[in-house]
Amino acid sequence: MIIARRLPGLPQDSALVDSAIERFRTIREEKGLEKAPGTAELIAFIALLLQLGKRPDQPLDLSDEDSRQCAGVLGKTRRDEEKIRALLTG
């Protein structure tokens, strides 16, 4: 898996990664985005979650500030960031 190669030390069975990928898929399926996030953004999203102190054994749980930061990593335009933030908090 690409995520394991890019983020060494991350457990293979990670509730955080599983739930982050699920949320990422929801974001990618959003019809109103100008540019959907890709693999690089997914990896950056998961790396940011770890930097924010999220535990690999816990599912994704974001505060408003976490959502703002994550939207900045996932969104390719300011408009997309706003839509993604709503999807992350919703």
PDB file of N, CA and C in Angstrom:
ATOM      1  N   MET A   1       0.837  -1.180   0.000  1.00  0.00           N
ATOM      2  CA  MET A   1       0.000   0.000   0.000  1.00  0.00           C
ATOM      3  C   MET A   1       0.881   1.243   0.000  1.00  0.00           C
ATOM      4  N   ILE A   2       0.507   2.187  -0.804  1.00  0.00           N
ATOM      5  CA  ILE A   2       1.278   3.416  -0.958  1.00  0.00           C
ATOM      6  C   ILE A   2       1.414   4.179   0.356  1.00  0.00           C
ATOM      7  N   ILE A   3       0.370   4.202   1.151  1.00  0.00           N
ATOM      8  CA  ILE A   3       0.397   4.945   2.423  1.00  0.00           C
ATOM      9  C   ILE A   3       1.462   4.365   3.348  1.00  0.00           C
ATOM     10  N   ALA A   4       1.551   3.056   3.419  1.00  0.00           N
ATOM     11  CA  ALA A   4       2.545   2.404   4.282  1.00  0.00           C
ATOM     12  C   ALA A   4       3.961   2.735   3.821  1.00  0.00           C
ATOM     13  N   ARG A   5       4.168   2.834   2.513  1.00  0.00           N
ATOM     14  CA  ARG A   5       5.504   3.175   2.006  1.00  0.00           C
ATOM     15  C   ARG A   5       5.851   4.623   2.296  1.00  0.00           C
ATOM     16  N   ARG A   6       4.884   5.497   2.210  1.00  0.00           N
ATOM     17  CA  ARG A   6       5.129   6.935   2.413  1.00  0.00           C
ATOM     18  C   ARG A   6       5.156   7.335   3.888  1.00  0.00           C
ATOM     19  N   LEU A   7       4.474   6.558   4.710  1.00  0.00           N
ATOM     20  CA  LEU A   7       4.414   6.862   6.139  1.00  0.00           C
ATOM     21  C   LEU A   7       4.870   5.635   6.929  1.00  0.00           C
ATOM     22  N   PRO A   8       6.173   5.351   6.893  1.00  0.00           N
ATOM     23  CA  PRO A   8       6.679   4.164   7.590  1.00  0.00           C
ATOM     24  C   PRO A   8       6.400   4.234   9.083  1.00  0.00           C
ATOM     25  N   GLY A   9       6.165   3.083   9.655  1.00  0.00           N
ATOM     26  CA  GLY A   9       5.877   3.000  11.081  1.00  0.00           C
ATOM     27  C   GLY A   9       4.389   3.049  11.391  1.00  0.00           C
ATOM     28  N   LEU A  10       3.584   3.387  10.402  1.00  0.00           N
ATOM     29  CA  LEU A  10       2.140   3.410  10.592  1.00  0.00           C
ATOM     30  C   LEU A  10       1.637   1.973  10.557  1.00  0.00           C
ATOM     31  N   PRO A  11       0.900   1.547  11.574  1.00  0.00           N
ATOM     32  CA  PRO A  11       0.423   0.158  11.600  1.00  0.00           C
ATOM     33  C   PRO A  11      -0.447  -0.171  10.382  1.00  0.00           C
ATOM     34  N   GLN A  12      -0.320  -1.401   9.887  1.00  0.00           N
ATOM     35  CA  GLN A  12      -1.107  -1.837   8.730  1.00  0.00           C
ATOM     36  C   GLN A  12      -2.598  -1.776   9.004  1.00  0.00           C
ATOM     37  N   ASP A  13      -3.005  -2.239  10.168  1.00  0.00           N
ATOM     38  CA  ASP A  13      -4.411  -2.176  10.549  1.00  0.00           C
ATOM     39  C   ASP A  13      -4.607  -0.944  11.417  1.00  0.00           C
ATOM     40  N   SER A  14      -5.005   0.142  10.786  1.00  0.00           N
ATOM     41  CA  SER A  14      -5.136   1.402  11.490  1.00  0.00           C
ATOM     42  C   SER A  14      -6.554   1.935  11.332  1.00  0.00           C
ATOM     43  N   ALA A  15      -7.241   2.085  12.457  1.00  0.00           N
ATOM     44  CA  ALA A  15      -8.593   2.645  12.431  1.00  0.00           C
ATOM     45  C   ALA A  15      -8.572   4.077  11.896  1.00  0.00           C
ATOM     46  N   LEU A  16      -7.513   4.815  12.214  1.00  0.00           N
ATOM     47  CA  LEU A  16      -7.388   6.188  11.729  1.00  0.00           C
ATOM     48  C   LEU A  16      -7.289   6.208  10.205  1.00  0.00           C
ATOM     49  N   VAL A  17      -6.415   5.382   9.653  1.00  0.00           N
ATOM     50  CA  VAL A  17      -6.243   5.355   8.203  1.00  0.00           C
ATOM     51  C   VAL A  17      -7.524   4.887   7.520  1.00  0.00           C
ATOM     52  N   ASP A  18      -8.138   3.850   8.039  1.00  0.00           N
ATOM     53  CA  ASP A  18      -9.380   3.345   7.439  1.00  0.00           C
ATOM     54  C   ASP A  18     -10.457   4.425   7.411  1.00  0.00           C
ATOM     55  N   SER A  19     -10.645   5.117   8.520  1.00  0.00           N
ATOM     56  CA  SER A  19     -11.696   6.143   8.561  1.00  0.00           C
ATOM     57  C   SER A  19     -11.299   7.378   7.750  1.00  0.00           C
ATOM     58  N   ALA A  20      -9.998   7.692   7.695  1.00  0.00           N
ATOM     59  CA  ALA A  20      -9.542   8.822   6.871  1.00  0.00           C
ATOM     60  C   ALA A  20      -9.758   8.525   5.383  1.00  0.00           C
ATOM     61  N   ILE A  21      -9.484   7.294   4.971  1.00  0.00           N
ATOM     62  CA  ILE A  21      -9.707   6.916   3.574  1.00  0.00           C
ATOM     63  C   ILE A  21     -11.194   6.967   3.246  1.00  0.00           C
ATOM     64  N   GLU A  22     -12.022   6.514   4.155  1.00  0.00           N
ATOM     65  CA  GLU A  22     -13.472   6.561   3.937  1.00  0.00           C
ATOM     66  C   GLU A  22     -13.935   8.012   3.751  1.00  0.00           C
ATOM     67  N   ARG A  23     -13.455   8.914   4.602  1.00  0.00           N
ATOM     68  CA  ARG A  23     -13.821  10.333   4.490  1.00  0.00           C
ATOM     69  C   ARG A  23     -13.266  10.922   3.192  1.00  0.00           C
ATOM     70  N   PHE A  24     -12.042  10.532   2.835  1.00  0.00           N
ATOM     71  CA  PHE A  24     -11.410  10.986   1.595  1.00  0.00           C
ATOM     72  C   PHE A  24     -12.251  10.576   0.386  1.00  0.00           C
ATOM     73  N   ARG A  25     -12.729   9.361   0.382  1.00  0.00           N
ATOM     74  CA  ARG A  25     -13.577   8.889  -0.730  1.00  0.00           C
ATOM     75  C   ARG A  25     -14.853   9.719  -0.832  1.00  0.00           C
ATOM     76  N   THR A  26     -15.440  10.042   0.291  1.00  0.00           N
ATOM     77  CA  THR A  26     -16.639  10.892   0.297  1.00  0.00           C
ATOM     78  C   THR A  26     -16.325  12.250  -0.324  1.00  0.00           C
ATOM     79  N   ILE A  27     -15.188  12.800   0.031  1.00  0.00           N
ATOM     80  CA  ILE A  27     -14.773  14.099  -0.503  1.00  0.00           C
ATOM     81  C   ILE A  27     -14.545  14.000  -2.013  1.00  0.00           C
ATOM     82  N   ARG A  28     -13.857  12.955  -2.440  1.00  0.00           N
ATOM     83  CA  ARG A  28     -13.585  12.785  -3.885  1.00  0.00           C
ATOM     84  C   ARG A  28     -14.865  12.641  -4.693  1.00  0.00           C
ATOM     85  N   GLU A  29     -15.898  12.071  -4.094  1.00  0.00           N
ATOM     86  CA  GLU A  29     -17.162  11.871  -4.806  1.00  0.00           C
ATOM     87  C   GLU A  29     -18.024  13.135  -4.844  1.00  0.00           C
ATOM     88  N   GLU A  30     -17.630  14.142  -4.098  1.00  0.00           N
ATOM     89  CA  GLU A  30     -18.384  15.401  -4.070  1.00  0.00           C
ATOM     90  C   GLU A  30     -18.397  16.020  -5.469  1.00  0.00           C
ATOM     91  N   LYS A  31     -19.564  16.293  -5.965  1.00  0.00           N
ATOM     92  CA  LYS A  31     -19.721  16.775  -7.346  1.00  0.00           C
ATOM     93  C   LYS A  31     -19.291  18.225  -7.537  1.00  0.00           C
ATOM     94  N   GLY A  32     -19.354  19.051  -6.512  1.00  0.00           N
ATOM     95  CA  GLY A  32     -19.108  20.476  -6.683  1.00  0.00           C
ATOM     96  C   GLY A  32     -17.666  20.930  -6.584  1.00  0.00           C
ATOM     97  N   LEU A  33     -16.724  20.013  -6.462  1.00  0.00           N
ATOM     98  CA  LEU A  33     -15.322  20.420  -6.332  1.00  0.00           C
ATOM     99  C   LEU A  33     -14.741  20.808  -7.686  1.00  0.00           C
ATOM    100  N   GLU A  34     -13.910  21.842  -7.683  1.00  0.00           N
ATOM    101  CA  GLU A  34     -13.225  22.240  -8.916  1.00  0.00           C
ATOM    102  C   GLU A  34     -12.168  21.200  -9.292  1.00  0.00           C
ATOM    103  N   LYS A  35     -11.400  20.755  -8.300  1.00  0.00           N
ATOM    104  CA  LYS A  35     -10.357  19.747  -8.513  1.00  0.00           C
ATOM    105  C   LYS A  35     -10.376  18.780  -7.342  1.00  0.00           C
ATOM    106  N   ALA A  36     -10.728  17.556  -7.598  1.00  0.00           N
ATOM    107  CA  ALA A  36     -10.779  16.551  -6.534  1.00  0.00           C
ATOM    108  C   ALA A  36      -9.367  16.247  -6.032  1.00  0.00           C
ATOM    109  N   PRO A  37      -9.218  16.024  -4.735  1.00  0.00           N
ATOM    110  CA  PRO A  37      -7.899  15.657  -4.207  1.00  0.00           C
ATOM    111  C   PRO A  37      -7.473  14.293  -4.725  1.00  0.00           C
ATOM    112  N   GLY A  38      -6.168  14.106  -4.829  1.00  0.00           N
ATOM    113  CA  GLY A  38      -5.606  12.851  -5.321  1.00  0.00           C
ATOM    114  C   GLY A  38      -4.801  12.138  -4.243  1.00  0.00           C
ATOM    115  N   THR A  39      -4.001  11.194  -4.679  1.00  0.00           N
ATOM    116  CA  THR A  39      -3.212  10.374  -3.763  1.00  0.00           C
ATOM    117  C   THR A  39      -2.254  11.208  -2.914  1.00  0.00           C
ATOM    118  N   ALA A  40      -1.618  12.194  -3.522  1.00  0.00           N
ATOM    119  CA  ALA A  40      -0.678  13.037  -2.772  1.00  0.00           C
ATOM    120  C   ALA A  40      -1.393  13.750  -1.628  1.00  0.00           C
ATOM    121  N   GLU A  41      -2.601  14.230  -1.882  1.00  0.00           N
ATOM    122  CA  GLU A  41      -3.370  14.907  -0.841  1.00  0.00           C
ATOM    123  C   GLU A  41      -3.810  13.930   0.245  1.00  0.00           C
ATOM    124  N   LEU A  42      -4.155  12.708  -0.138  1.00  0.00           N
ATOM    125  CA  LEU A  42      -4.517  11.691   0.848  1.00  0.00           C
ATOM    126  C   LEU A  42      -3.345  11.418   1.791  1.00  0.00           C
ATOM    127  N   ILE A  43      -2.172  11.253   1.237  1.00  0.00           N
ATOM    128  CA  ILE A  43      -0.983  10.996   2.055  1.00  0.00           C
ATOM    129  C   ILE A  43      -0.696  12.190   2.971  1.00  0.00           C
ATOM    130  N   ALA A  44      -0.799  13.403   2.426  1.00  0.00           N
ATOM    131  CA  ALA A  44      -0.575  14.603   3.229  1.00  0.00           C
ATOM    132  C   ALA A  44      -1.628  14.726   4.334  1.00  0.00           C
ATOM    133  N   PHE A  45      -2.865  14.346   4.035  1.00  0.00           N
ATOM    134  CA  PHE A  45      -3.966  14.363   5.003  1.00  0.00           C
ATOM    135  C   PHE A  45      -3.647  13.435   6.174  1.00  0.00           C
ATOM    136  N   ILE A  46      -3.249  12.217   5.870  1.00  0.00           N
ATOM    137  CA  ILE A  46      -2.945  11.253   6.931  1.00  0.00           C
ATOM    138  C   ILE A  46      -1.714  11.688   7.723  1.00  0.00           C
ATOM    139  N   ALA A  47      -0.704  12.210   7.029  1.00  0.00           N
ATOM    140  CA  ALA A  47       0.490  12.704   7.723  1.00  0.00           C
ATOM    141  C   ALA A  47       0.120  13.845   8.669  1.00  0.00           C
ATOM    142  N   LEU A  48      -0.752  14.739   8.222  1.00  0.00           N
ATOM    143  CA  LEU A  48      -1.186  15.847   9.075  1.00  0.00           C
ATOM    144  C   LEU A  48      -1.946  15.328  10.285  1.00  0.00           C
ATOM    145  N   LEU A  49      -2.800  14.344  10.090  1.00  0.00           N
ATOM    146  CA  LEU A  49      -3.535  13.772  11.218  1.00  0.00           C
ATOM    147  C   LEU A  49      -2.570  13.260  12.285  1.00  0.00           C
ATOM    148  N   LEU A  50      -1.513  12.605  11.848  1.00  0.00           N
ATOM    149  CA  LEU A  50      -0.513  12.105  12.794  1.00  0.00           C
ATOM    150  C   LEU A  50       0.213  13.259  13.483  1.00  0.00           C
ATOM    151  N   GLN A  51       0.523  14.315  12.728  1.00  0.00           N
ATOM    152  CA  GLN A  51       1.172  15.494  13.312  1.00  0.00           C
ATOM    153  C   GLN A  51       0.263  16.174  14.331  1.00  0.00           C
ATOM    154  N   LEU A  52      -1.031  16.100  14.097  1.00  0.00           N
ATOM    155  CA  LEU A  52      -1.991  16.695  15.029  1.00  0.00           C
ATOM    156  C   LEU A  52      -2.187  15.843  16.282  1.00  0.00           C
ATOM    157  N   GLY A  53      -1.497  14.708  16.334  1.00  0.00           N
ATOM    158  CA  GLY A  53      -1.562  13.852  17.520  1.00  0.00           C
ATOM    159  C   GLY A  53      -2.654  12.807  17.490  1.00  0.00           C
ATOM    160  N   LYS A  54      -3.250  12.597  16.318  1.00  0.00           N
ATOM    161  CA  LYS A  54      -4.289  11.568  16.213  1.00  0.00           C
ATOM    162  C   LYS A  54      -3.638  10.201  16.333  1.00  0.00           C
ATOM    163  N   ARG A  55      -4.285   9.318  17.054  1.00  0.00           N
ATOM    164  CA  ARG A  55      -3.740   7.982  17.294  1.00  0.00           C
ATOM    165  C   ARG A  55      -4.155   7.026  16.178  1.00  0.00           C
ATOM    166  N   PRO A  56      -3.208   6.232  15.680  1.00  0.00           N
ATOM    167  CA  PRO A  56      -3.533   5.285  14.602  1.00  0.00           C
ATOM    168  C   PRO A  56      -4.604   4.272  14.973  1.00  0.00           C
ATOM    169  N   ASP A  57      -4.740   3.955  16.272  1.00  0.00           N
ATOM    170  CA  ASP A  57      -5.724   2.946  16.688  1.00  0.00           C
ATOM    171  C   ASP A  57      -7.111   3.531  16.943  1.00  0.00           C
ATOM    172  N   GLN A  58      -7.267   4.838  16.744  1.00  0.00           N
ATOM    173  CA  GLN A  58      -8.551   5.507  16.962  1.00  0.00           C
ATOM    174  C   GLN A  58      -9.112   6.004  15.636  1.00  0.00           C
ATOM    175  N   PRO A  59     -10.427   5.909  15.438  1.00  0.00           N
ATOM    176  CA  PRO A  59     -11.000   6.432  14.193  1.00  0.00           C
ATOM    177  C   PRO A  59     -10.899   7.957  14.129  1.00  0.00           C
ATOM    178  N   LEU A  60     -11.069   8.475  12.955  1.00  0.00           N
ATOM    179  CA  LEU A  60     -10.969   9.900  12.697  1.00  0.00           C
ATOM    180  C   LEU A  60     -11.967  10.689  13.549  1.00  0.00           C
ATOM    181  N   ASP A  61     -11.450  11.681  14.254  1.00  0.00           N
ATOM    182  CA  ASP A  61     -12.272  12.566  15.070  1.00  0.00           C
ATOM    183  C   ASP A  61     -11.630  13.946  14.968  1.00  0.00           C
ATOM    184  N   LEU A  62     -12.336  14.889  14.334  1.00  0.00           N
ATOM    185  CA  LEU A  62     -11.739  16.191  14.057  1.00  0.00           C
ATOM    186  C   LEU A  62     -12.446  17.317  14.796  1.00  0.00           C
ATOM    187  N   SER A  63     -11.652  18.197  15.375  1.00  0.00           N
ATOM    188  CA  SER A  63     -12.182  19.445  15.931  1.00  0.00           C
ATOM    189  C   SER A  63     -12.367  20.419  14.767  1.00  0.00           C
ATOM    190  N   ASP A  64     -12.962  21.572  15.041  1.00  0.00           N
ATOM    191  CA  ASP A  64     -13.110  22.582  13.995  1.00  0.00           C
ATOM    192  C   ASP A  64     -11.756  23.020  13.453  1.00  0.00           C
ATOM    193  N   GLU A  65     -10.796  23.222  14.348  1.00  0.00           N
ATOM    194  CA  GLU A  65      -9.455  23.640  13.917  1.00  0.00           C
ATOM    195  C   GLU A  65      -8.780  22.535  13.102  1.00  0.00           C
ATOM    196  N   ASP A  66      -8.917  21.279  13.528  1.00  0.00           N
ATOM    197  CA  ASP A  66      -8.366  20.158  12.759  1.00  0.00           C
ATOM    198  C   ASP A  66      -8.961  20.152  11.351  1.00  0.00           C
ATOM    199  N   SER A  67     -10.271  20.355  11.259  1.00  0.00           N
ATOM    200  CA  SER A  67     -10.949  20.347   9.962  1.00  0.00           C
ATOM    201  C   SER A  67     -10.438  21.459   9.055  1.00  0.00           C
ATOM    202  N   ARG A  68     -10.187  22.611   9.638  1.00  0.00           N
ATOM    203  CA  ARG A  68      -9.659  23.734   8.858  1.00  0.00           C
ATOM    204  C   ARG A  68      -8.291  23.387   8.281  1.00  0.00           C
ATOM    205  N   GLN A  69      -7.429  22.827   9.110  1.00  0.00           N
ATOM    206  CA  GLN A  69      -6.093  22.468   8.652  1.00  0.00           C
ATOM    207  C   GLN A  69      -6.142  21.358   7.602  1.00  0.00           C
ATOM    208  N   CYS A  70      -6.979  20.364   7.849  1.00  0.00           N
ATOM    209  CA  CYS A  70      -7.091  19.247   6.909  1.00  0.00           C
ATOM    210  C   CYS A  70      -7.671  19.699   5.574  1.00  0.00           C
ATOM    211  N   ALA A  71      -8.642  20.599   5.607  1.00  0.00           N
ATOM    212  CA  ALA A  71      -9.216  21.124   4.370  1.00  0.00           C
ATOM    213  C   ALA A  71      -8.156  21.861   3.563  1.00  0.00           C
ATOM    214  N   GLY A  72      -7.234  22.518   4.257  1.00  0.00           N
ATOM    215  CA  GLY A  72      -6.144  23.208   3.574  1.00  0.00           C
ATOM    216  C   GLY A  72      -5.210  22.255   2.852  1.00  0.00           C
ATOM    217  N   VAL A  73      -5.065  21.057   3.378  1.00  0.00           N
ATOM    218  CA  VAL A  73      -4.215  20.043   2.757  1.00  0.00           C
ATOM    219  C   VAL A  73      -4.950  19.340   1.612  1.00  0.00           C
ATOM    220  N   LEU A  74      -6.238  19.121   1.783  1.00  0.00           N
ATOM    221  CA  LEU A  74      -7.014  18.364   0.791  1.00  0.00           C
ATOM    222  C   LEU A  74      -7.527  19.217  -0.364  1.00  0.00           C
ATOM    223  N   GLY A  75      -7.792  20.483  -0.107  1.00  0.00           N
ATOM    224  CA  GLY A  75      -8.358  21.349  -1.132  1.00  0.00           C
ATOM    225  C   GLY A  75      -7.298  21.946  -2.032  1.00  0.00           C
ATOM    226  N   LYS A  76      -7.604  22.007  -3.316  1.00  0.00           N
ATOM    227  CA  LYS A  76      -6.657  22.580  -4.271  1.00  0.00           C
ATOM    228  C   LYS A  76      -6.987  24.028  -4.600  1.00  0.00           C
ATOM    229  N   THR A  77      -8.183  24.463  -4.228  1.00  0.00           N
ATOM    230  CA  THR A  77      -8.581  25.862  -4.396  1.00  0.00           C
ATOM    231  C   THR A  77      -9.250  26.322  -3.107  1.00  0.00           C
ATOM    232  N   ARG A  78      -9.334  27.609  -2.914  1.00  0.00           N
ATOM    233  CA  ARG A  78      -9.966  28.158  -1.709  1.00  0.00           C
ATOM    234  C   ARG A  78     -11.427  27.710  -1.636  1.00  0.00           C
ATOM    235  N   ARG A  79     -12.107  27.732  -2.766  1.00  0.00           N
ATOM    236  CA  ARG A  79     -13.514  27.308  -2.792  1.00  0.00           C
ATOM    237  C   ARG A  79     -13.645  25.840  -2.399  1.00  0.00           C
ATOM    238  N   ASP A  80     -12.752  25.014  -2.932  1.00  0.00           N
ATOM    239  CA  ASP A  80     -12.770  23.592  -2.580  1.00  0.00           C
ATOM    240  C   ASP A  80     -12.483  23.386  -1.101  1.00  0.00           C
ATOM    241  N   GLU A  81     -11.559  24.158  -0.550  1.00  0.00           N
ATOM    242  CA  GLU A  81     -11.242  24.041   0.876  1.00  0.00           C
ATOM    243  C   GLU A  81     -12.487  24.259   1.725  1.00  0.00           C
ATOM    244  N   GLU A  82     -13.280  25.246   1.371  1.00  0.00           N
ATOM    245  CA  GLU A  82     -14.503  25.532   2.125  1.00  0.00           C
ATOM    246  C   GLU A  82     -15.486  24.370   2.046  1.00  0.00           C
ATOM    247  N   LYS A  83     -15.654  23.795   0.861  1.00  0.00           N
ATOM    248  CA  LYS A  83     -16.563  22.656   0.697  1.00  0.00           C
ATOM    249  C   LYS A  83     -16.043  21.435   1.450  1.00  0.00           C
ATOM    250  N   ILE A  84     -14.748  21.217   1.368  1.00  0.00           N
ATOM    251  CA  ILE A  84     -14.144  20.064   2.039  1.00  0.00           C
ATOM    252  C   ILE A  84     -14.261  20.220   3.556  1.00  0.00           C
ATOM    253  N   ARG A  85     -14.052  21.419   4.037  1.00  0.00           N
ATOM    254  CA  ARG A  85     -14.183  21.638   5.489  1.00  0.00           C
ATOM    255  C   ARG A  85     -15.585  21.273   5.961  1.00  0.00           C
ATOM    256  N   ALA A  86     -16.582  21.652   5.189  1.00  0.00           N
ATOM    257  CA  ALA A  86     -17.963  21.307   5.543  1.00  0.00           C
ATOM    258  C   ALA A  86     -18.159  19.789   5.540  1.00  0.00           C
ATOM    259  N   LEU A  87     -17.532  19.101   4.588  1.00  0.00           N
ATOM    260  CA  LEU A  87     -17.645  17.641   4.532  1.00  0.00           C
ATOM    261  C   LEU A  87     -16.910  16.985   5.702  1.00  0.00           C
ATOM    262  N   LEU A  88     -15.815  17.566   6.118  1.00  0.00           N
ATOM    263  CA  LEU A  88     -15.055  17.003   7.236  1.00  0.00           C
ATOM    264  C   LEU A  88     -15.778  17.189   8.558  1.00  0.00           C
ATOM    265  N   THR A  89     -16.480  18.303   8.716  1.00  0.00           N
ATOM    266  CA  THR A  89     -17.160  18.555   9.976  1.00  0.00           C
ATOM    267  C   THR A  89     -18.561  17.975   9.995  1.00  0.00           C
ATOM    268  N   GLY A  90     -19.118  17.735   8.804  1.00  0.00           N
ATOM    269  CA  GLY A  90     -20.490  17.225   8.706  1.00  0.00           C
ATOM    270  C   GLY A  90     -20.562  15.803   8.965  1.00  0.00           C
TER     271      GLY A  90
END
